[in-house]
Amino acid sequence: MPYRYRRPLPETPLDIVGDVHGEIDALQALLHHLGYRENGSHPQGRKLVFVGDLCDRGPDSPAVLAWFLQMHDAGNAFAVLGNHELNALMHDPKDGSGWFFPEREAKDAALYAPWHTLPPSERPALESRLAELPLILERSDVRIVHAAWLPYTFARLEEAGGESLTEQYRRFDRELNAQLQTAPWYADYLHEQQRYAEAAENPQHTPPPMPATAQYELNRSRLHPIRALTSGVEQIAPQPFYAGGRWRYTARSSWWNDYREPVPVLIGHYWRSWQPQPPAPDRENILPAAGNAWHGAERNVFCTDFSAGARWRDRKQQIPPAQSCFRLAAMRWPERVLVFDNGDIEKTV
């Protein structure tokens, strides 16, 4: 069967869960407060929908993914692909993926260990299952995508009928790389990467200006259809900042300020804060300060990611989960009410 990047949601009440990032205990606590049984069913017939990024950084990504796939097969859980699942699928080791990529273990251990790793023999089966997940889940009253709702990407995805997800991704990459290599700044980009690549991963020292690298990152975020939906579109950052294991020259862009369609969109990805935090170049400053606030031009976009993927910081400081400022949340739909892994319930506004 050809890969379908858009699929329908069931016509039942939903619980739309933010980025889990391997935090199995937080997930189980949230499910308890939502009223789910151990087999993933709900006495009221509700269904779980995950906005992507089930894995990386947390203590047990294999357990989270195994649980989800079991619930998915039982018809009780659905998910869209996040950028972290795509990194695994495309064999692209990134920050926090040492549970999956042995070559990342030594670099990631200082922040994220201890964690459960996936035996190499189990990687092909997991990749096969992840490659079946859609980029978009939708019905008449709600749309789910990991990072950005970008209709300009849909035509290219629809033209790729018959290709698998990974085939599409690689083809888009080849086409984009060929396009970028004709850019007038591309030679400068290669020079910057050769000279400063190692410095770009050192959080203690800001690397020199890398304007060609900024142009490269900007175009890669906007011109690759799958990457745009799962990582969002970016803009040139006013100054370099360190995030995700490297210095960055582009920051996340508020695409929702241009979204004027009536159907609400629920996303993850953007590391929202429940408690007000100092602004960061790529994160909190593009979302409303109030954690329960909708955003966008029509106030019908909502980020459900409340930074559970940062709970490794709590573990380093021996902060118990009950006192964490990093939460796992679910949006109850159509009620538009948030439920958190500590049992708190909040209406959205």
C-alpha atoms as a PDB file:
ATOM      1  CA  MET A   1       0.000   0.000   0.000  1.00  0.00           C
ATOM      2  CA  PRO A   2       1.416   3.449  -0.909  1.00  0.00           C
ATOM      3  CA  TYR A   3       2.396   5.673   1.988  1.00  0.00           C
ATOM      4  CA  ARG A   4      -0.355   8.123   2.965  1.00  0.00           C
ATOM      5  CA  TYR A   5       0.909  11.215   4.721  1.00  0.00           C
ATOM      6  CA  ARG A   6      -2.624  12.314   5.801  1.00  0.00           C
ATOM      7  CA  ARG A   7      -5.001   9.994   7.624  1.00  0.00           C
ATOM      8  CA  PRO A   8      -8.370  10.374   9.362  1.00  0.00           C
ATOM      9  CA  LEU A   9      -8.937  10.457  13.098  1.00  0.00           C
ATOM     10  CA  PRO A  10     -11.696   8.378  14.668  1.00  0.00           C
ATOM     11  CA  GLU A  11     -14.963  10.156  15.448  1.00  0.00           C
ATOM     12  CA  THR A  12     -14.580   9.696  19.211  1.00  0.00           C
ATOM     13  CA  PRO A  13     -13.508  11.967  22.073  1.00  0.00           C
ATOM     14  CA  LEU A  14      -9.718  12.304  22.026  1.00  0.00           C
ATOM     15  CA  ASP A  15      -6.841  12.884  24.409  1.00  0.00           C
ATOM     16  CA  ILE A  16      -4.059  14.586  22.436  1.00  0.00           C
ATOM     17  CA  VAL A  17      -0.729  14.037  24.190  1.00  0.00           C
ATOM     18  CA  GLY A  18       2.338  16.259  23.890  1.00  0.00           C
ATOM     19  CA  ASP A  19       5.933  15.158  23.255  1.00  0.00           C
ATOM     20  CA  VAL A  20       6.761  12.209  25.564  1.00  0.00           C
ATOM     21  CA  HIS A  21      10.500  11.942  24.818  1.00  0.00           C
ATOM     22  CA  GLY A  22      11.009   8.567  26.486  1.00  0.00           C
ATOM     23  CA  GLU A  23       9.504   9.632  29.831  1.00  0.00           C
ATOM     24  CA  ILE A  24       7.679   6.379  30.524  1.00  0.00           C
ATOM     25  CA  ASP A  25       6.789   7.184  34.149  1.00  0.00           C
ATOM     26  CA  ALA A  26       5.253  10.526  33.203  1.00  0.00           C
ATOM     27  CA  LEU A  27       3.276   8.814  30.438  1.00  0.00           C
ATOM     28  CA  GLN A  28       1.890   6.165  32.760  1.00  0.00           C
ATOM     29  CA  ALA A  29       0.990   8.799  35.352  1.00  0.00           C
ATOM     30  CA  LEU A  30      -0.814  10.871  32.712  1.00  0.00           C
ATOM     31  CA  LEU A  31      -2.739   7.839  31.457  1.00  0.00           C
ATOM     32  CA  HIS A  32      -3.875   7.132  35.007  1.00  0.00           C
ATOM     33  CA  HIS A  33      -5.212  10.666  35.446  1.00  0.00           C
ATOM     34  CA  LEU A  34      -6.923  10.460  32.051  1.00  0.00           C
ATOM     35  CA  GLY A  35      -8.689   7.265  33.127  1.00  0.00           C
ATOM     36  CA  TYR A  36      -7.162   4.769  30.702  1.00  0.00           C
ATOM     37  CA  ARG A  37      -7.036   1.083  31.528  1.00  0.00           C
ATOM     38  CA  GLU A  38      -3.781  -0.895  31.393  1.00  0.00           C
ATOM     39  CA  ASN A  39      -4.674  -2.219  27.939  1.00  0.00           C
ATOM     40  CA  GLY A  40      -5.011   1.329  26.608  1.00  0.00           C
ATOM     41  CA  SER A  41      -8.797   1.323  26.366  1.00  0.00           C
ATOM     42  CA  HIS A  42     -10.987   3.941  28.032  1.00  0.00           C
ATOM     43  CA  PRO A  43     -14.354   3.308  29.717  1.00  0.00           C
ATOM     44  CA  GLN A  44     -15.839   6.258  27.803  1.00  0.00           C
ATOM     45  CA  GLY A  45     -14.451   5.146  24.450  1.00  0.00           C
ATOM     46  CA  ARG A  46     -11.839   7.916  24.257  1.00  0.00           C
ATOM     47  CA  LYS A  47      -8.756   7.458  22.059  1.00  0.00           C
ATOM     48  CA  LEU A  48      -5.176   8.637  22.509  1.00  0.00           C
ATOM     49  CA  VAL A  49      -3.423  10.757  19.886  1.00  0.00           C
ATOM     50  CA  PHE A  50       0.292  11.548  20.157  1.00  0.00           C
ATOM     51  CA  VAL A  51       1.749  14.593  18.430  1.00  0.00           C
ATOM     52  CA  GLY A  52       5.132  12.918  17.784  1.00  0.00           C
ATOM     53  CA  ASP A  53       8.525  12.846  19.514  1.00  0.00           C
ATOM     54  CA  LEU A  54       7.756   9.788  21.590  1.00  0.00           C
ATOM     55  CA  CYS A  55      11.477   9.086  21.843  1.00  0.00           C
ATOM     56  CA  ASP A  56      14.939  10.523  22.696  1.00  0.00           C
ATOM     57  CA  ARG A  57      16.461  12.112  25.816  1.00  0.00           C
ATOM     58  CA  GLY A  58      14.287  10.295  28.359  1.00  0.00           C
ATOM     59  CA  PRO A  59      15.150   7.140  30.337  1.00  0.00           C
ATOM     60  CA  ASP A  60      13.158   4.567  28.345  1.00  0.00           C
ATOM     61  CA  SER A  61      12.328   5.356  24.728  1.00  0.00           C
ATOM     62  CA  PRO A  62      12.075   1.619  23.860  1.00  0.00           C
ATOM     63  CA  ALA A  63       9.356   1.124  26.488  1.00  0.00           C
ATOM     64  CA  VAL A  64       7.384   4.169  25.336  1.00  0.00           C
ATOM     65  CA  LEU A  65       7.498   3.064  21.706  1.00  0.00           C
ATOM     66  CA  ALA A  66       6.687  -0.566  22.496  1.00  0.00           C
ATOM     67  CA  TRP A  67       3.696   0.518  24.596  1.00  0.00           C
ATOM     68  CA  PHE A  68       2.455   2.868  21.883  1.00  0.00           C
ATOM     69  CA  LEU A  69       2.726   0.265  19.121  1.00  0.00           C
ATOM     70  CA  GLN A  70       0.812  -2.252  21.210  1.00  0.00           C
ATOM     71  CA  MET A  71      -1.947   0.293  21.855  1.00  0.00           C
ATOM     72  CA  HIS A  72      -1.919   1.349  18.207  1.00  0.00           C
ATOM     73  CA  ASP A  73      -2.403  -2.228  17.063  1.00  0.00           C
ATOM     74  CA  ALA A  74      -5.361  -2.518  19.443  1.00  0.00           C
ATOM     75  CA  GLY A  75      -6.937   0.577  17.863  1.00  0.00           C
ATOM     76  CA  ASN A  76      -6.616   2.669  21.030  1.00  0.00           C
ATOM     77  CA  ALA A  77      -3.760   5.035  20.093  1.00  0.00           C
ATOM     78  CA  PHE A  78      -2.682   7.068  17.076  1.00  0.00           C
ATOM     79  CA  ALA A  79       0.348   9.247  16.353  1.00  0.00           C
ATOM     80  CA  VAL A  80       1.938  11.526  13.803  1.00  0.00           C
ATOM     81  CA  LEU A  81       5.652  11.431  13.145  1.00  0.00           C
ATOM     82  CA  GLY A  82       7.864  13.902  14.965  1.00  0.00           C
ATOM     83  CA  ASN A  83      11.328  15.012  13.953  1.00  0.00           C
ATOM     84  CA  HIS A  84      12.902  12.647  16.498  1.00  0.00           C
ATOM     85  CA  GLU A  85      11.247   9.565  14.995  1.00  0.00           C
ATOM     86  CA  LEU A  86      12.354  10.776  11.566  1.00  0.00           C
ATOM     87  CA  ASN A  87      15.949  11.059  12.763  1.00  0.00           C
ATOM     88  CA  ALA A  88      15.844   7.371  13.684  1.00  0.00           C
ATOM     89  CA  LEU A  89      14.208   6.422  10.389  1.00  0.00           C
ATOM     90  CA  MET A  90      16.703   8.362   8.311  1.00  0.00           C
ATOM     91  CA  HIS A  91      19.737   7.103  10.303  1.00  0.00           C
ATOM     92  CA  ASP A  92      20.553  10.636  11.386  1.00  0.00           C
ATOM     93  CA  PRO A  93      22.003  10.530  14.941  1.00  0.00           C
ATOM     94  CA  LYS A  94      21.082  13.648  16.898  1.00  0.00           C
ATOM     95  CA  ASP A  95      21.231  14.908  20.465  1.00  0.00           C
ATOM     96  CA  GLY A  96      19.644  12.464  22.932  1.00  0.00           C
ATOM     97  CA  SER A  97      19.397   9.494  20.563  1.00  0.00           C
ATOM     98  CA  GLY A  98      22.083   7.337  22.189  1.00  0.00           C
ATOM     99  CA  TRP A  99      19.410   4.764  23.121  1.00  0.00           C
ATOM    100  CA  PHE A 100      19.104   4.028  19.365  1.00  0.00           C
ATOM    101  CA  PHE A 101      22.468   4.999  17.870  1.00  0.00           C
ATOM    102  CA  PRO A 102      25.537   3.462  19.569  1.00  0.00           C
ATOM    103  CA  GLU A 103      27.708   6.203  18.059  1.00  0.00           C
ATOM    104  CA  ARG A 104      25.816   8.769  20.176  1.00  0.00           C
ATOM    105  CA  GLU A 105      26.089   6.953  23.511  1.00  0.00           C
ATOM    106  CA  ALA A 106      29.360   8.459  24.720  1.00  0.00           C
ATOM    107  CA  LYS A 107      28.395  12.016  23.726  1.00  0.00           C
ATOM    108  CA  ASP A 108      24.885  11.809  25.192  1.00  0.00           C
ATOM    109  CA  ALA A 109      25.653   9.927  28.399  1.00  0.00           C
ATOM    110  CA  ALA A 110      26.749  12.995  30.368  1.00  0.00           C
ATOM    111  CA  LEU A 111      23.272  14.533  30.111  1.00  0.00           C
ATOM    112  CA  TYR A 112      20.763  11.755  29.601  1.00  0.00           C
ATOM    113  CA  ALA A 113      22.111   8.500  31.087  1.00  0.00           C
ATOM    114  CA  PRO A 114      21.062   6.187  32.593  1.00  0.00           C
ATOM    115  CA  TRP A 115      18.669   5.000  29.908  1.00  0.00           C
ATOM    116  CA  HIS A 116      17.474   1.785  28.317  1.00  0.00           C
ATOM    117  CA  THR A 117      18.970   1.134  24.901  1.00  0.00           C
ATOM    118  CA  LEU A 118      17.422  -0.706  21.982  1.00  0.00           C
ATOM    119  CA  PRO A 119      19.320  -3.853  20.911  1.00  0.00           C
ATOM    120  CA  PRO A 120      20.630  -3.383  17.352  1.00  0.00           C
ATOM    121  CA  SER A 121      18.774  -6.530  16.283  1.00  0.00           C
ATOM    122  CA  GLU A 122      15.461  -4.780  17.046  1.00  0.00           C
ATOM    123  CA  ARG A 123      16.162  -1.624  15.047  1.00  0.00           C
ATOM    124  CA  PRO A 124      14.886  -2.812  11.630  1.00  0.00           C
ATOM    125  CA  ALA A 125      11.506  -3.897  13.019  1.00  0.00           C
ATOM    126  CA  LEU A 126      11.040  -0.603  14.860  1.00  0.00           C
ATOM    127  CA  GLU A 127      12.034   1.417  11.799  1.00  0.00           C
ATOM    128  CA  SER A 128       9.503  -0.504   9.725  1.00  0.00           C
ATOM    129  CA  ARG A 129       6.711   0.350  12.157  1.00  0.00           C
ATOM    130  CA  LEU A 130       7.664   4.022  12.497  1.00  0.00           C
ATOM    131  CA  ALA A 131       7.747   4.384   8.707  1.00  0.00           C
ATOM    132  CA  GLU A 132       4.036   3.545   8.635  1.00  0.00           C
ATOM    133  CA  LEU A 133       3.001   6.546  10.749  1.00  0.00           C
ATOM    134  CA  PRO A 134       1.461   9.569   8.993  1.00  0.00           C
ATOM    135  CA  LEU A 135       2.593  13.181   9.079  1.00  0.00           C
ATOM    136  CA  ILE A 136      -0.954  14.472   9.607  1.00  0.00           C
ATOM    137  CA  LEU A 137      -4.045  13.184  11.407  1.00  0.00           C
ATOM    138  CA  GLU A 138      -7.274  15.091  10.907  1.00  0.00           C
ATOM    139  CA  ARG A 139     -11.033  15.245  10.948  1.00  0.00           C
ATOM    140  CA  SER A 140     -13.537  18.056  10.418  1.00  0.00           C
ATOM    141  CA  ASP A 141     -13.003  19.651  13.848  1.00  0.00           C
ATOM    142  CA  VAL A 142      -9.254  19.225  14.497  1.00  0.00           C
ATOM    143  CA  ARG A 143      -5.900  18.788  12.763  1.00  0.00           C
ATOM    144  CA  ILE A 144      -2.792  17.178  14.276  1.00  0.00           C
ATOM    145  CA  VAL A 145       0.753  17.754  12.970  1.00  0.00           C
ATOM    146  CA  HIS A 146       4.018  17.710  14.878  1.00  0.00           C
ATOM    147  CA  ALA A 147       5.403  21.168  14.131  1.00  0.00           C
ATOM    148  CA  ALA A 148       3.695  23.150  11.355  1.00  0.00           C
ATOM    149  CA  TRP A 149       0.570  23.144   9.197  1.00  0.00           C
ATOM    150  CA  LEU A 150       1.931  24.206   5.814  1.00  0.00           C
ATOM    151  CA  PRO A 151      -0.432  23.661   2.866  1.00  0.00           C
ATOM    152  CA  TYR A 152       2.285  24.638   0.355  1.00  0.00           C
ATOM    153  CA  THR A 153       3.994  21.311   1.112  1.00  0.00           C
ATOM    154  CA  PHE A 154       0.957  19.153   0.356  1.00  0.00           C
ATOM    155  CA  ALA A 155       1.135  19.154  -3.451  1.00  0.00           C
ATOM    156  CA  ARG A 156       4.677  17.748  -3.470  1.00  0.00           C
ATOM    157  CA  LEU A 157       3.730  15.070  -0.967  1.00  0.00           C
ATOM    158  CA  GLU A 158       0.685  14.088  -3.005  1.00  0.00           C
ATOM    159  CA  GLU A 159       2.797  13.840  -6.165  1.00  0.00           C
ATOM    160  CA  ALA A 160       4.964  11.220  -4.459  1.00  0.00           C
ATOM    161  CA  GLY A 161       2.303   8.515  -4.602  1.00  0.00           C
ATOM    162  CA  GLY A 162       3.760   5.005  -4.563  1.00  0.00           C
ATOM    163  CA  GLU A 163       6.941   5.990  -2.741  1.00  0.00           C
ATOM    164  CA  SER A 164       7.545   5.037   0.868  1.00  0.00           C
ATOM    165  CA  LEU A 165       8.117   7.738   3.469  1.00  0.00           C
ATOM    166  CA  THR A 166      11.864   7.124   3.537  1.00  0.00           C
ATOM    167  CA  GLU A 167      12.048   7.142  -0.267  1.00  0.00           C
ATOM    168  CA  GLN A 168      10.225  10.464  -0.346  1.00  0.00           C
ATOM    169  CA  TYR A 169      12.458  11.947   2.329  1.00  0.00           C
ATOM    170  CA  ARG A 170      15.663  10.931   0.549  1.00  0.00           C
ATOM    171  CA  ARG A 171      14.402  12.162  -2.820  1.00  0.00           C
ATOM    172  CA  PHE A 172      13.434  15.532  -1.365  1.00  0.00           C
ATOM    173  CA  ASP A 173      16.876  15.688   0.242  1.00  0.00           C
ATOM    174  CA  ARG A 174      18.638  14.967  -3.066  1.00  0.00           C
ATOM    175  CA  GLU A 175      16.579  17.561  -4.906  1.00  0.00           C
ATOM    176  CA  LEU A 176      17.127  20.162  -2.220  1.00  0.00           C
ATOM    177  CA  ASN A 177      20.869  19.517  -1.976  1.00  0.00           C
ATOM    178  CA  ALA A 178      21.204  19.886  -5.733  1.00  0.00           C
ATOM    179  CA  GLN A 179      19.324  23.179  -5.539  1.00  0.00           C
ATOM    180  CA  LEU A 180      21.373  24.526  -2.625  1.00  0.00           C
ATOM    181  CA  GLN A 181      24.666  23.673  -4.308  1.00  0.00           C
ATOM    182  CA  THR A 182      23.875  26.265  -6.981  1.00  0.00           C
ATOM    183  CA  ALA A 183      23.405  29.036  -4.385  1.00  0.00           C
ATOM    184  CA  PRO A 184      26.042  31.815  -4.468  1.00  0.00           C
ATOM    185  CA  TRP A 185      26.830  31.279  -0.754  1.00  0.00           C
ATOM    186  CA  TYR A 186      27.284  27.484  -0.937  1.00  0.00           C
ATOM    187  CA  ALA A 187      31.103  27.542  -1.198  1.00  0.00           C
ATOM    188  CA  ASP A 188      31.193  29.751   1.895  1.00  0.00           C
ATOM    189  CA  TYR A 189      28.940  27.249   3.681  1.00  0.00           C
ATOM    190  CA  LEU A 190      31.372  24.401   2.966  1.00  0.00           C
ATOM    191  CA  HIS A 191      34.246  26.526   4.227  1.00  0.00           C
ATOM    192  CA  GLU A 192      32.408  27.379   7.458  1.00  0.00           C
ATOM    193  CA  GLN A 193      31.542  23.744   8.100  1.00  0.00           C
ATOM    194  CA  GLN A 194      35.086  22.566   7.505  1.00  0.00           C
ATOM    195  CA  ARG A 195      36.573  25.214   9.760  1.00  0.00           C
ATOM    196  CA  TYR A 196      34.013  25.568  12.557  1.00  0.00           C
ATOM    197  CA  ALA A 197      32.032  22.304  12.732  1.00  0.00           C
ATOM    198  CA  GLU A 198      33.676  21.186  15.961  1.00  0.00           C
ATOM    199  CA  ALA A 199      33.351  24.628  17.566  1.00  0.00           C
ATOM    200  CA  ALA A 200      29.644  24.639  16.744  1.00  0.00           C
ATOM    201  CA  GLU A 201      29.066  21.823  19.276  1.00  0.00           C
ATOM    202  CA  ASN A 202      30.896  23.510  22.163  1.00  0.00           C
ATOM    203  CA  PRO A 203      28.347  25.193  24.467  1.00  0.00           C
ATOM    204  CA  GLN A 204      31.031  27.119  26.345  1.00  0.00           C
ATOM    205  CA  HIS A 205      32.152  29.330  23.466  1.00  0.00           C
ATOM    206  CA  THR A 206      30.123  31.094  20.800  1.00  0.00           C
ATOM    207  CA  PRO A 207      31.577  30.270  17.379  1.00  0.00           C
ATOM    208  CA  PRO A 208      32.401  32.998  14.839  1.00  0.00           C
ATOM    209  CA  PRO A 209      29.620  34.376  12.616  1.00  0.00           C
ATOM    210  CA  MET A 210      28.539  31.788  10.021  1.00  0.00           C
ATOM    211  CA  PRO A 211      26.214  33.639   7.614  1.00  0.00           C
ATOM    212  CA  ALA A 212      26.339  30.966   4.912  1.00  0.00           C
ATOM    213  CA  THR A 213      25.463  28.282   7.472  1.00  0.00           C
ATOM    214  CA  ALA A 214      22.483  30.416   8.480  1.00  0.00           C
ATOM    215  CA  GLN A 215      21.304  30.535   4.861  1.00  0.00           C
ATOM    216  CA  TYR A 216      21.761  26.789   4.516  1.00  0.00           C
ATOM    217  CA  GLU A 217      19.717  26.074   7.662  1.00  0.00           C
ATOM    218  CA  LEU A 218      17.016  28.529   6.612  1.00  0.00           C
ATOM    219  CA  ASN A 219      16.519  26.920   3.205  1.00  0.00           C
ATOM    220  CA  ARG A 220      16.623  23.367   4.558  1.00  0.00           C
ATOM    221  CA  SER A 221      13.834  24.190   6.998  1.00  0.00           C
ATOM    222  CA  ARG A 222      11.545  25.705   4.378  1.00  0.00           C
ATOM    223  CA  LEU A 223      12.126  23.765   1.152  1.00  0.00           C
ATOM    224  CA  HIS A 224      11.963  20.124   2.326  1.00  0.00           C
ATOM    225  CA  PRO A 225       8.247  19.223   2.684  1.00  0.00           C
ATOM    226  CA  ILE A 226       8.631  16.509   5.319  1.00  0.00           C
ATOM    227  CA  ARG A 227      11.185  18.425   7.350  1.00  0.00           C
ATOM    228  CA  ALA A 228       9.007  21.547   7.264  1.00  0.00           C
ATOM    229  CA  LEU A 229       5.989  19.719   8.716  1.00  0.00           C
ATOM    230  CA  THR A 230       7.967  17.915  11.418  1.00  0.00           C
ATOM    231  CA  SER A 231      10.516  20.571  12.422  1.00  0.00           C
ATOM    232  CA  GLY A 232       8.743  23.774  11.451  1.00  0.00           C
ATOM    233  CA  VAL A 233       9.965  26.639   9.321  1.00  0.00           C
ATOM    234  CA  GLU A 234      12.690  28.929  10.577  1.00  0.00           C
ATOM    235  CA  GLN A 235      13.980  32.473  10.262  1.00  0.00           C
ATOM    236  CA  ILE A 236      17.421  34.013  10.703  1.00  0.00           C
ATOM    237  CA  ALA A 237      18.132  34.381  14.443  1.00  0.00           C
ATOM    238  CA  PRO A 238      19.161  37.808  15.728  1.00  0.00           C
ATOM    239  CA  GLN A 239      22.167  36.129  17.368  1.00  0.00           C
ATOM    240  CA  PRO A 240      23.538  32.565  17.644  1.00  0.00           C
ATOM    241  CA  PHE A 241      22.148  30.411  20.438  1.00  0.00           C
ATOM    242  CA  TYR A 242      22.945  26.932  21.741  1.00  0.00           C
ATOM    243  CA  ALA A 243      20.148  24.328  21.577  1.00  0.00           C
ATOM    244  CA  GLY A 244      19.873  20.649  20.784  1.00  0.00           C
ATOM    245  CA  GLY A 245      23.599  20.028  21.105  1.00  0.00           C
ATOM    246  CA  ARG A 246      24.885  22.749  18.774  1.00  0.00           C
ATOM    247  CA  TRP A 247      24.999  26.462  18.079  1.00  0.00           C
ATOM    248  CA  ARG A 248      22.214  27.580  15.800  1.00  0.00           C
ATOM    249  CA  TYR A 249      21.855  30.547  13.476  1.00  0.00           C
ATOM    250  CA  THR A 250      18.178  30.160  12.635  1.00  0.00           C
ATOM    251  CA  ALA A 251      15.271  30.267  15.080  1.00  0.00           C
ATOM    252  CA  ARG A 252      11.774  28.894  14.952  1.00  0.00           C
ATOM    253  CA  SER A 253       9.196  30.980  13.132  1.00  0.00           C
ATOM    254  CA  SER A 254       5.602  31.642  14.241  1.00  0.00           C
ATOM    255  CA  TRP A 255       3.855  30.117  11.209  1.00  0.00           C
ATOM    256  CA  TRP A 256       0.547  30.178  13.136  1.00  0.00           C
ATOM    257  CA  ASN A 257       0.351  33.952  12.764  1.00  0.00           C
ATOM    258  CA  ASP A 258      -0.425  33.317   9.087  1.00  0.00           C
ATOM    259  CA  TYR A 259      -2.884  30.450   9.696  1.00  0.00           C
ATOM    260  CA  ARG A 260      -6.432  31.707   9.065  1.00  0.00           C
ATOM    261  CA  GLU A 261      -8.399  28.534   8.388  1.00  0.00           C
ATOM    262  CA  PRO A 262     -11.239  27.742  10.824  1.00  0.00           C
ATOM    263  CA  VAL A 263     -10.160  24.222  11.839  1.00  0.00           C
ATOM    264  CA  PRO A 264      -8.039  24.160  15.035  1.00  0.00           C
ATOM    265  CA  VAL A 265      -4.495  22.749  14.780  1.00  0.00           C
ATOM    266  CA  LEU A 266      -2.754  20.983  17.673  1.00  0.00           C
ATOM    267  CA  ILE A 267       1.026  20.640  17.604  1.00  0.00           C
ATOM    268  CA  GLY A 268       4.004  19.677  19.773  1.00  0.00           C
ATOM    269  CA  HIS A 269       7.680  20.438  19.208  1.00  0.00           C
ATOM    270  CA  TYR A 270       8.016  23.942  20.675  1.00  0.00           C
ATOM    271  CA  TRP A 271       8.988  23.258  24.308  1.00  0.00           C
ATOM    272  CA  ARG A 272       6.260  25.276  25.925  1.00  0.00           C
ATOM    273  CA  SER A 273       6.582  26.376  29.563  1.00  0.00           C
ATOM    274  CA  TRP A 274       3.754  26.087  32.048  1.00  0.00           C
ATOM    275  CA  GLN A 275       5.529  28.457  34.408  1.00  0.00           C
ATOM    276  CA  PRO A 276       6.753  31.741  32.861  1.00  0.00           C
ATOM    277  CA  GLN A 277      10.390  31.413  31.797  1.00  0.00           C
ATOM    278  CA  PRO A 278      12.992  33.895  30.515  1.00  0.00           C
ATOM    279  CA  PRO A 279      12.647  34.218  26.738  1.00  0.00           C
ATOM    280  CA  ALA A 280      14.848  31.999  24.580  1.00  0.00           C
ATOM    281  CA  PRO A 281      15.759  32.709  20.926  1.00  0.00           C
ATOM    282  CA  ASP A 282      13.899  29.727  19.493  1.00  0.00           C
ATOM    283  CA  ARG A 283      11.291  28.705  22.025  1.00  0.00           C
ATOM    284  CA  GLU A 284       9.223  30.445  24.681  1.00  0.00           C
ATOM    285  CA  ASN A 285       9.312  33.862  23.093  1.00  0.00           C
ATOM    286  CA  ILE A 286       7.182  32.763  20.118  1.00  0.00           C
ATOM    287  CA  LEU A 287       4.427  31.229  22.267  1.00  0.00           C
ATOM    288  CA  PRO A 288       2.001  32.980  24.642  1.00  0.00           C
ATOM    289  CA  ALA A 289       3.348  33.473  28.154  1.00  0.00           C
ATOM    290  CA  ALA A 290       0.229  31.826  29.612  1.00  0.00           C
ATOM    291  CA  GLY A 291       0.536  28.048  29.300  1.00  0.00           C
ATOM    292  CA  ASN A 292      -3.202  27.564  28.792  1.00  0.00           C
ATOM    293  CA  ALA A 293      -3.527  30.127  25.983  1.00  0.00           C
ATOM    294  CA  TRP A 294      -4.339  29.383  22.362  1.00  0.00           C
ATOM    295  CA  HIS A 295      -2.285  31.299  19.812  1.00  0.00           C
ATOM    296  CA  GLY A 296      -2.148  32.289  16.169  1.00  0.00           C
ATOM    297  CA  ALA A 297      -3.970  34.773  13.988  1.00  0.00           C
ATOM    298  CA  GLU A 298      -7.341  33.164  14.778  1.00  0.00           C
ATOM    299  CA  ARG A 299      -6.350  31.871  18.227  1.00  0.00           C
ATOM    300  CA  ASN A 300      -6.997  28.308  17.084  1.00  0.00           C
ATOM    301  CA  VAL A 301      -3.494  26.771  17.273  1.00  0.00           C
ATOM    302  CA  PHE A 302      -2.308  25.103  20.477  1.00  0.00           C
ATOM    303  CA  CYS A 303       1.064  23.621  21.395  1.00  0.00           C
ATOM    304  CA  THR A 304       0.665  20.626  23.739  1.00  0.00           C
ATOM    305  CA  ASP A 305       4.412  20.182  24.401  1.00  0.00           C
ATOM    306  CA  PHE A 306       5.166  21.275  27.965  1.00  0.00           C
ATOM    307  CA  SER A 307       8.843  20.248  27.903  1.00  0.00           C
ATOM    308  CA  ALA A 308       8.690  16.761  29.437  1.00  0.00           C
ATOM    309  CA  GLY A 309      11.798  16.094  27.333  1.00  0.00           C
ATOM    310  CA  ALA A 310      13.775  18.306  29.734  1.00  0.00           C
ATOM    311  CA  ARG A 311      13.130  16.153  32.794  1.00  0.00           C
ATOM    312  CA  TRP A 312      16.677  14.849  32.557  1.00  0.00           C
ATOM    313  CA  ARG A 313      17.604  18.180  34.176  1.00  0.00           C
ATOM    314  CA  ASP A 314      15.458  17.289  37.178  1.00  0.00           C
ATOM    315  CA  ARG A 315      17.201  13.957  37.535  1.00  0.00           C
ATOM    316  CA  LYS A 316      20.605  15.641  37.518  1.00  0.00           C
ATOM    317  CA  GLN A 317      19.438  17.919  40.341  1.00  0.00           C
ATOM    318  CA  GLN A 318      17.465  15.175  42.149  1.00  0.00           C
ATOM    319  CA  ILE A 319      14.191  17.079  41.784  1.00  0.00           C
ATOM    320  CA  PRO A 320      11.221  14.689  42.205  1.00  0.00           C
ATOM    321  CA  PRO A 321       8.603  14.549  39.424  1.00  0.00           C
ATOM    322  CA  ALA A 322       5.929  16.086  41.652  1.00  0.00           C
ATOM    323  CA  GLN A 323       8.023  19.260  41.883  1.00  0.00           C
ATOM    324  CA  SER A 324       9.025  19.426  38.237  1.00  0.00           C
ATOM    325  CA  CYS A 325       8.335  22.486  36.123  1.00  0.00           C
ATOM    326  CA  PHE A 326       8.576  20.200  33.061  1.00  0.00           C
ATOM    327  CA  ARG A 327       5.248  18.518  32.398  1.00  0.00           C
ATOM    328  CA  LEU A 328       3.572  15.978  30.163  1.00  0.00           C
ATOM    329  CA  ALA A 329       0.104  17.107  29.124  1.00  0.00           C
ATOM    330  CA  ALA A 330      -2.907  15.985  27.131  1.00  0.00           C
ATOM    331  CA  MET A 331      -5.564  18.162  25.549  1.00  0.00           C
ATOM    332  CA  ARG A 332      -8.994  16.590  26.034  1.00  0.00           C
ATOM    333  CA  TRP A 333     -10.942  17.046  22.827  1.00  0.00           C
ATOM    334  CA  PRO A 334     -13.520  18.418  22.207  1.00  0.00           C
ATOM    335  CA  GLU A 335     -13.522  19.705  25.811  1.00  0.00           C
ATOM    336  CA  ARG A 336     -10.373  21.837  25.240  1.00  0.00           C
ATOM    337  CA  VAL A 337      -9.154  21.057  28.756  1.00  0.00           C
ATOM    338  CA  LEU A 338      -5.565  20.217  29.713  1.00  0.00           C
ATOM    339  CA  VAL A 339      -4.729  17.282  31.973  1.00  0.00           C
ATOM    340  CA  PHE A 340      -1.155  17.004  33.336  1.00  0.00           C
ATOM    341  CA  ASP A 341       0.858  14.039  34.545  1.00  0.00           C
ATOM    342  CA  ASN A 342       0.652  15.348  38.130  1.00  0.00           C
ATOM    343  CA  GLY A 343      -3.170  15.341  37.964  1.00  0.00           C
ATOM    344  CA  ASP A 344      -3.674  19.093  37.508  1.00  0.00           C
ATOM    345  CA  ILE A 345      -6.553  20.087  35.222  1.00  0.00           C
ATOM    346  CA  GLU A 346      -6.713  23.459  33.458  1.00  0.00           C
ATOM    347  CA  LYS A 347      -9.166  25.003  31.021  1.00  0.00           C
ATOM    348  CA  THR A 348      -7.669  26.593  27.921  1.00  0.00           C
ATOM    349  CA  VAL A 349      -8.464  30.146  26.877  1.00  0.00           C
END
